[in-house]
Amino acid sequence: MARRAQRKDGKYTISVVAEMFDVHPQTLRMYEREGLLEPGRSEGKTRLYSDEDLERVEMILTLTREMGVNLAGVEVIIDLRAKLVLAVERLTEFEEIFRSDAMQELRDQLRYVSPDKGAMIPLRSAKLVRMKRRAN
């Protein structure tokens, strides 16, 4: 990989990123037009790429160069990856809730609850009713 001429603020200009990944700057601009990248901007409107942007460029190039995925496929993969990360985060939160002391206390309380002992939702026997279909 080429040199990393990082600015004082930890960002990289488009020419540096293009050199790092051996792509033309227009390629990076195209990725931005396609919505695959969203680099920050300086006050003078110069594109400034963060380390997170560099990881994204690397993912895009891996998918396109090594795996033969087109840009539409890359967009789908990136979107699904983001949704998967969000789902894992939510699942982790739910696991923490279910393992909490408050949840254990609630489970302990509900263990001995039944319809005849004042359950929150009374249990009633249901009747099944057969219905005949009308002929049209």
N, C-alpha and C. Protein backbone atom coordinates (compact mmCIF):
# COMPACT_ATOMS: atom_id res chain seq x y z
N MET A 1 0.85 -1.17 0.00
CA MET A 1 0.00 0.00 0.00
C MET A 1 0.89 1.24 0.00
N ALA A 2 0.43 2.30 -0.61
CA ALA A 2 1.22 3.52 -0.71
C ALA A 2 1.31 4.23 0.63
N ARG A 3 2.07 5.27 0.64
CA ARG A 3 2.24 6.04 1.88
C ARG A 3 0.91 6.58 2.37
N ARG A 4 0.84 6.81 3.65
CA ARG A 4 -0.37 7.37 4.24
C ARG A 4 -0.08 8.79 4.67
N ALA A 5 -0.32 9.75 3.79
CA ALA A 5 -0.10 11.16 4.11
C ALA A 5 -1.34 11.67 4.83
N GLN A 6 -1.36 11.46 6.12
CA GLN A 6 -2.51 11.83 6.92
C GLN A 6 -2.40 13.29 7.35
N ARG A 7 -3.51 13.97 7.32
CA ARG A 7 -3.54 15.36 7.77
C ARG A 7 -3.50 15.40 9.29
N LYS A 8 -3.35 16.58 9.83
CA LYS A 8 -3.32 16.74 11.29
C LYS A 8 -4.63 16.29 11.94
N ASP A 9 -5.73 16.44 11.23
CA ASP A 9 -7.03 16.07 11.79
C ASP A 9 -7.36 14.59 11.58
N GLY A 10 -6.40 13.81 11.07
CA GLY A 10 -6.62 12.37 10.90
C GLY A 10 -7.38 12.00 9.65
N LYS A 11 -7.53 12.91 8.72
CA LYS A 11 -8.26 12.66 7.48
C LYS A 11 -7.30 12.58 6.30
N TYR A 12 -7.80 12.01 5.21
CA TYR A 12 -6.99 11.83 4.00
C TYR A 12 -7.69 12.49 2.82
N THR A 13 -6.91 13.11 1.94
CA THR A 13 -7.49 13.72 0.74
C THR A 13 -7.73 12.63 -0.30
N ILE A 14 -8.51 12.97 -1.32
CA ILE A 14 -8.89 12.01 -2.34
C ILE A 14 -7.66 11.49 -3.10
N SER A 15 -6.69 12.36 -3.33
CA SER A 15 -5.50 11.92 -4.07
C SER A 15 -4.69 10.90 -3.26
N VAL A 16 -4.61 11.10 -1.98
CA VAL A 16 -3.88 10.16 -1.12
C VAL A 16 -4.61 8.82 -1.07
N VAL A 17 -5.93 8.86 -0.92
CA VAL A 17 -6.72 7.62 -0.87
C VAL A 17 -6.62 6.88 -2.20
N ALA A 18 -6.70 7.61 -3.29
CA ALA A 18 -6.59 6.99 -4.62
C ALA A 18 -5.24 6.30 -4.77
N GLU A 19 -4.20 6.93 -4.31
CA GLU A 19 -2.86 6.34 -4.39
C GLU A 19 -2.75 5.12 -3.46
N MET A 20 -3.33 5.22 -2.28
CA MET A 20 -3.27 4.11 -1.32
C MET A 20 -3.88 2.84 -1.89
N PHE A 21 -4.98 3.00 -2.61
CA PHE A 21 -5.72 1.84 -3.11
C PHE A 21 -5.50 1.58 -4.60
N ASP A 22 -4.62 2.35 -5.21
CA ASP A 22 -4.30 2.19 -6.62
C ASP A 22 -5.55 2.28 -7.49
N VAL A 23 -6.33 3.32 -7.26
CA VAL A 23 -7.51 3.60 -8.08
C VAL A 23 -7.43 5.05 -8.54
N HIS A 24 -8.17 5.37 -9.56
CA HIS A 24 -8.24 6.75 -10.04
C HIS A 24 -9.18 7.53 -9.11
N PRO A 25 -8.90 8.80 -8.87
CA PRO A 25 -9.81 9.60 -8.03
C PRO A 25 -11.25 9.59 -8.54
N GLN A 26 -11.42 9.48 -9.87
CA GLN A 26 -12.78 9.43 -10.42
C GLN A 26 -13.53 8.19 -9.93
N THR A 27 -12.81 7.12 -9.67
CA THR A 27 -13.45 5.91 -9.14
C THR A 27 -14.05 6.21 -7.77
N LEU A 28 -13.31 6.91 -6.93
CA LEU A 28 -13.81 7.27 -5.61
C LEU A 28 -15.00 8.24 -5.72
N ARG A 29 -14.93 9.14 -6.67
CA ARG A 29 -16.06 10.06 -6.89
C ARG A 29 -17.30 9.29 -7.35
N MET A 30 -17.08 8.26 -8.20
CA MET A 30 -18.20 7.45 -8.66
C MET A 30 -18.83 6.70 -7.49
N TYR A 31 -18.01 6.14 -6.61
CA TYR A 31 -18.53 5.44 -5.43
C TYR A 31 -19.37 6.40 -4.59
N GLU A 32 -18.94 7.64 -4.53
CA GLU A 32 -19.71 8.64 -3.78
C GLU A 32 -21.04 8.94 -4.48
N ARG A 33 -21.01 9.09 -5.81
CA ARG A 33 -22.25 9.34 -6.56
C ARG A 33 -23.23 8.18 -6.41
N GLU A 34 -22.70 6.97 -6.35
CA GLU A 34 -23.55 5.77 -6.21
C GLU A 34 -24.06 5.59 -4.77
N GLY A 35 -23.59 6.43 -3.86
CA GLY A 35 -24.05 6.36 -2.48
C GLY A 35 -23.31 5.34 -1.63
N LEU A 36 -22.20 4.83 -2.15
CA LEU A 36 -21.43 3.82 -1.41
C LEU A 36 -20.47 4.45 -0.41
N LEU A 37 -20.09 5.68 -0.65
CA LEU A 37 -19.17 6.42 0.22
C LEU A 37 -19.75 7.79 0.51
N GLU A 38 -19.42 8.30 1.67
CA GLU A 38 -19.84 9.66 2.00
C GLU A 38 -18.73 10.34 2.81
N PRO A 39 -17.64 10.70 2.12
CA PRO A 39 -16.54 11.34 2.85
C PRO A 39 -16.96 12.72 3.36
N GLY A 40 -16.28 13.13 4.41
CA GLY A 40 -16.52 14.47 4.93
C GLY A 40 -15.95 15.51 3.99
N ARG A 41 -16.18 16.76 4.31
CA ARG A 41 -15.67 17.86 3.49
C ARG A 41 -14.99 18.89 4.38
N SER A 42 -13.98 19.53 3.80
CA SER A 42 -13.32 20.64 4.50
C SER A 42 -14.15 21.89 4.25
N GLU A 43 -13.73 22.99 4.85
CA GLU A 43 -14.43 24.25 4.61
C GLU A 43 -14.36 24.64 3.14
N GLY A 44 -13.28 24.24 2.47
CA GLY A 44 -13.12 24.53 1.05
C GLY A 44 -13.75 23.47 0.16
N LYS A 45 -14.56 22.58 0.73
CA LYS A 45 -15.30 21.52 0.02
C LYS A 45 -14.40 20.39 -0.49
N THR A 46 -13.17 20.28 0.02
CA THR A 46 -12.29 19.18 -0.35
C THR A 46 -12.76 17.91 0.36
N ARG A 47 -12.81 16.81 -0.37
CA ARG A 47 -13.20 15.54 0.24
C ARG A 47 -12.14 15.10 1.24
N LEU A 48 -12.59 14.71 2.42
CA LEU A 48 -11.68 14.23 3.46
C LEU A 48 -12.17 12.86 3.94
N TYR A 49 -11.33 11.86 3.75
CA TYR A 49 -11.69 10.48 4.08
C TYR A 49 -11.17 10.11 5.46
N SER A 50 -12.04 9.54 6.28
CA SER A 50 -11.67 9.09 7.63
C SER A 50 -11.16 7.64 7.54
N ASP A 51 -10.68 7.13 8.65
CA ASP A 51 -10.26 5.73 8.70
C ASP A 51 -11.44 4.80 8.41
N GLU A 52 -12.62 5.19 8.86
CA GLU A 52 -13.84 4.40 8.57
C GLU A 52 -14.13 4.39 7.07
N ASP A 53 -13.94 5.53 6.43
CA ASP A 53 -14.12 5.61 4.97
C ASP A 53 -13.11 4.71 4.26
N LEU A 54 -11.88 4.67 4.76
CA LEU A 54 -10.85 3.80 4.16
C LEU A 54 -11.25 2.33 4.27
N GLU A 55 -11.80 1.94 5.40
CA GLU A 55 -12.27 0.56 5.57
C GLU A 55 -13.38 0.26 4.56
N ARG A 56 -14.24 1.23 4.35
CA ARG A 56 -15.34 1.04 3.40
C ARG A 56 -14.81 0.92 1.97
N VAL A 57 -13.83 1.75 1.60
CA VAL A 57 -13.22 1.67 0.27
C VAL A 57 -12.60 0.29 0.10
N GLU A 58 -11.91 -0.17 1.12
CA GLU A 58 -11.28 -1.49 1.05
C GLU A 58 -12.33 -2.59 0.87
N MET A 59 -13.46 -2.49 1.57
CA MET A 59 -14.53 -3.47 1.41
C MET A 59 -15.10 -3.44 -0.01
N ILE A 60 -15.34 -2.24 -0.53
CA ILE A 60 -15.88 -2.10 -1.88
C ILE A 60 -14.92 -2.72 -2.90
N LEU A 61 -13.64 -2.41 -2.76
CA LEU A 61 -12.66 -2.93 -3.71
C LEU A 61 -12.49 -4.45 -3.58
N THR A 62 -12.57 -4.97 -2.38
CA THR A 62 -12.49 -6.42 -2.20
C THR A 62 -13.68 -7.10 -2.88
N LEU A 63 -14.86 -6.54 -2.67
CA LEU A 63 -16.07 -7.13 -3.28
C LEU A 63 -16.02 -7.05 -4.80
N THR A 64 -15.56 -5.93 -5.34
CA THR A 64 -15.58 -5.76 -6.79
C THR A 64 -14.41 -6.46 -7.47
N ARG A 65 -13.21 -6.29 -6.94
CA ARG A 65 -12.01 -6.84 -7.58
C ARG A 65 -11.86 -8.34 -7.35
N GLU A 66 -12.01 -8.77 -6.11
CA GLU A 66 -11.70 -10.15 -5.78
C GLU A 66 -12.91 -11.08 -5.87
N MET A 67 -14.10 -10.53 -5.69
CA MET A 67 -15.29 -11.39 -5.68
C MET A 67 -16.19 -11.17 -6.88
N GLY A 68 -15.89 -10.18 -7.70
CA GLY A 68 -16.65 -9.95 -8.92
C GLY A 68 -18.04 -9.39 -8.71
N VAL A 69 -18.28 -8.74 -7.59
CA VAL A 69 -19.59 -8.17 -7.30
C VAL A 69 -19.71 -6.82 -8.00
N ASN A 70 -20.86 -6.57 -8.63
CA ASN A 70 -21.05 -5.25 -9.25
C ASN A 70 -21.47 -4.24 -8.18
N LEU A 71 -21.52 -2.96 -8.54
CA LEU A 71 -21.79 -1.91 -7.56
C LEU A 71 -23.18 -2.03 -6.95
N ALA A 72 -24.15 -2.49 -7.72
CA ALA A 72 -25.49 -2.70 -7.16
C ALA A 72 -25.44 -3.78 -6.07
N GLY A 73 -24.67 -4.83 -6.33
CA GLY A 73 -24.50 -5.88 -5.34
C GLY A 73 -23.76 -5.40 -4.11
N VAL A 74 -22.77 -4.55 -4.34
CA VAL A 74 -22.01 -3.98 -3.22
C VAL A 74 -22.95 -3.17 -2.33
N GLU A 75 -23.83 -2.40 -2.94
CA GLU A 75 -24.79 -1.60 -2.17
C GLU A 75 -25.68 -2.49 -1.32
N VAL A 76 -26.17 -3.58 -1.90
CA VAL A 76 -27.02 -4.52 -1.17
C VAL A 76 -26.25 -5.15 -0.01
N ILE A 77 -25.02 -5.56 -0.27
CA ILE A 77 -24.20 -6.19 0.77
C ILE A 77 -23.92 -5.22 1.91
N ILE A 78 -23.57 -3.99 1.58
CA ILE A 78 -23.29 -2.99 2.61
C ILE A 78 -24.54 -2.72 3.44
N ASP A 79 -25.69 -2.62 2.77
CA ASP A 79 -26.95 -2.38 3.48
C ASP A 79 -27.28 -3.55 4.40
N LEU A 80 -27.15 -4.78 3.89
CA LEU A 80 -27.43 -5.96 4.71
C LEU A 80 -26.46 -6.06 5.88
N ARG A 81 -25.22 -5.72 5.64
CA ARG A 81 -24.21 -5.76 6.71
C ARG A 81 -24.58 -4.77 7.81
N ALA A 82 -25.01 -3.57 7.44
CA ALA A 82 -25.41 -2.57 8.43
C ALA A 82 -26.62 -3.05 9.23
N LYS A 83 -27.58 -3.67 8.55
CA LYS A 83 -28.76 -4.20 9.25
C LYS A 83 -28.38 -5.34 10.18
N LEU A 84 -27.45 -6.17 9.75
CA LEU A 84 -26.99 -7.28 10.59
C LEU A 84 -26.30 -6.76 11.84
N VAL A 85 -25.47 -5.75 11.69
CA VAL A 85 -24.79 -5.17 12.85
C VAL A 85 -25.82 -4.60 13.83
N LEU A 86 -26.83 -3.91 13.32
CA LEU A 86 -27.89 -3.35 14.16
C LEU A 86 -28.67 -4.46 14.86
N ALA A 87 -28.98 -5.52 14.14
CA ALA A 87 -29.72 -6.63 14.74
C ALA A 87 -28.91 -7.31 15.85
N VAL A 88 -27.63 -7.47 15.64
CA VAL A 88 -26.77 -8.07 16.67
C VAL A 88 -26.71 -7.17 17.90
N GLU A 89 -26.62 -5.87 17.68
CA GLU A 89 -26.61 -4.93 18.81
C GLU A 89 -27.90 -5.03 19.61
N ARG A 90 -29.03 -5.08 18.92
CA ARG A 90 -30.33 -5.18 19.60
C ARG A 90 -30.46 -6.51 20.33
N LEU A 91 -30.01 -7.57 19.71
CA LEU A 91 -30.06 -8.88 20.34
C LEU A 91 -29.21 -8.89 21.62
N THR A 92 -28.07 -8.26 21.57
CA THR A 92 -27.21 -8.16 22.75
C THR A 92 -27.92 -7.40 23.86
N GLU A 93 -28.62 -6.33 23.51
CA GLU A 93 -29.39 -5.56 24.50
C GLU A 93 -30.47 -6.44 25.13
N PHE A 94 -31.19 -7.21 24.30
CA PHE A 94 -32.24 -8.09 24.82
C PHE A 94 -31.65 -9.15 25.74
N GLU A 95 -30.52 -9.70 25.36
CA GLU A 95 -29.87 -10.70 26.21
C GLU A 95 -29.51 -10.11 27.57
N GLU A 96 -29.03 -8.88 27.57
CA GLU A 96 -28.70 -8.21 28.83
C GLU A 96 -29.94 -8.01 29.68
N ILE A 97 -31.05 -7.64 29.04
CA ILE A 97 -32.30 -7.46 29.77
C ILE A 97 -32.76 -8.78 30.36
N PHE A 98 -32.75 -9.84 29.56
CA PHE A 98 -33.23 -11.13 30.04
C PHE A 98 -32.34 -11.73 31.13
N ARG A 99 -31.09 -11.32 31.16
CA ARG A 99 -30.18 -11.81 32.19
C ARG A 99 -30.14 -10.91 33.43
N SER A 100 -30.87 -9.80 33.39
CA SER A 100 -30.81 -8.84 34.48
C SER A 100 -31.50 -9.38 35.73
N ASP A 101 -31.16 -8.80 36.87
CA ASP A 101 -31.77 -9.18 38.15
C ASP A 101 -33.27 -8.91 38.15
N ALA A 102 -33.68 -7.81 37.55
CA ALA A 102 -35.11 -7.46 37.51
C ALA A 102 -35.90 -8.52 36.75
N MET A 103 -35.34 -9.01 35.65
CA MET A 103 -36.03 -10.03 34.87
C MET A 103 -36.09 -11.35 35.65
N GLN A 104 -35.04 -11.67 36.36
CA GLN A 104 -35.03 -12.89 37.17
C GLN A 104 -36.08 -12.80 38.27
N GLU A 105 -36.19 -11.62 38.86
CA GLU A 105 -37.21 -11.41 39.89
C GLU A 105 -38.61 -11.59 39.32
N LEU A 106 -38.84 -11.08 38.12
CA LEU A 106 -40.14 -11.24 37.47
C LEU A 106 -40.42 -12.71 37.17
N ARG A 107 -39.40 -13.43 36.66
CA ARG A 107 -39.59 -14.87 36.40
C ARG A 107 -39.93 -15.61 37.68
N ASP A 108 -39.26 -15.26 38.77
CA ASP A 108 -39.54 -15.91 40.05
C ASP A 108 -40.98 -15.66 40.49
N GLN A 109 -41.45 -14.44 40.30
CA GLN A 109 -42.83 -14.11 40.68
C GLN A 109 -43.84 -14.84 39.81
N LEU A 110 -43.56 -14.96 38.52
CA LEU A 110 -44.51 -15.59 37.60
C LEU A 110 -44.51 -17.11 37.69
N ARG A 111 -43.49 -17.68 38.28
CA ARG A 111 -43.38 -19.13 38.37
C ARG A 111 -44.58 -19.73 39.12
N TYR A 112 -45.10 -19.01 40.08
CA TYR A 112 -46.17 -19.55 40.93
C TYR A 112 -47.53 -18.95 40.61
N VAL A 113 -47.63 -18.23 39.51
CA VAL A 113 -48.90 -17.59 39.14
C VAL A 113 -49.68 -18.54 38.24
N SER A 114 -50.95 -18.67 38.54
CA SER A 114 -51.86 -19.47 37.71
C SER A 114 -53.19 -18.75 37.64
N PRO A 115 -54.09 -19.18 36.79
CA PRO A 115 -55.38 -18.47 36.64
C PRO A 115 -56.15 -18.38 37.95
N ASP A 116 -56.09 -19.42 38.74
CA ASP A 116 -56.86 -19.40 39.98
C ASP A 116 -56.16 -18.60 41.08
N LYS A 117 -54.94 -18.18 40.84
CA LYS A 117 -54.21 -17.39 41.85
C LYS A 117 -54.02 -15.94 41.40
N GLY A 118 -54.90 -15.47 40.55
CA GLY A 118 -54.87 -14.07 40.17
C GLY A 118 -53.87 -13.72 39.09
N ALA A 119 -53.77 -14.55 38.09
CA ALA A 119 -52.85 -14.27 36.99
C ALA A 119 -53.27 -12.99 36.28
N MET A 120 -52.33 -12.37 35.66
CA MET A 120 -52.61 -11.12 34.95
C MET A 120 -53.57 -11.35 33.78
N ILE A 121 -53.46 -12.49 33.13
CA ILE A 121 -54.33 -12.83 32.02
C ILE A 121 -55.04 -14.13 32.39
N PRO A 122 -56.32 -14.04 32.70
CA PRO A 122 -57.03 -15.26 33.11
C PRO A 122 -57.13 -16.26 31.96
N LEU A 123 -57.04 -17.51 32.32
CA LEU A 123 -57.12 -18.58 31.34
C LEU A 123 -58.56 -19.05 31.26
N ARG A 124 -59.11 -19.06 30.08
CA ARG A 124 -60.47 -19.55 29.87
C ARG A 124 -60.42 -20.65 28.83
N SER A 125 -61.27 -21.60 29.00
CA SER A 125 -61.29 -22.65 27.98
C SER A 125 -61.98 -22.10 26.74
N ALA A 126 -61.45 -22.45 25.62
CA ALA A 126 -62.00 -21.95 24.36
C ALA A 126 -62.86 -23.03 23.72
N LYS A 127 -63.88 -22.60 23.03
CA LYS A 127 -64.73 -23.54 22.29
C LYS A 127 -64.40 -23.42 20.82
N LEU A 128 -64.23 -24.56 20.21
CA LEU A 128 -64.03 -24.56 18.77
C LEU A 128 -65.38 -24.68 18.09
N VAL A 129 -65.61 -23.86 17.13
CA VAL A 129 -66.88 -23.86 16.40
C VAL A 129 -66.58 -24.15 14.95
N ARG A 130 -67.22 -25.17 14.42
CA ARG A 130 -67.05 -25.49 13.01
C ARG A 130 -68.02 -24.66 12.19
N MET A 131 -67.50 -24.12 11.13
CA MET A 131 -68.34 -23.32 10.25
C MET A 131 -68.31 -23.96 8.87
N LYS A 132 -69.45 -23.97 8.24
CA LYS A 132 -69.54 -24.50 6.89
C LYS A 132 -69.36 -23.34 5.92
N ARG A 133 -68.65 -23.64 4.84
CA ARG A 133 -68.47 -22.62 3.80
C ARG A 133 -69.72 -22.54 2.96
N ARG A 134 -70.05 -21.34 2.58
CA ARG A 134 -71.19 -21.15 1.68
C ARG A 134 -70.76 -21.36 0.26
N ALA A 135 -71.56 -22.02 -0.48
CA ALA A 135 -71.27 -22.20 -1.91
C ALA A 135 -71.66 -20.91 -2.63
N ASN A 136 -70.82 -20.48 -3.54
CA ASN A 136 -71.11 -19.23 -4.29
C ASN A 136 -71.96 -19.47 -5.47
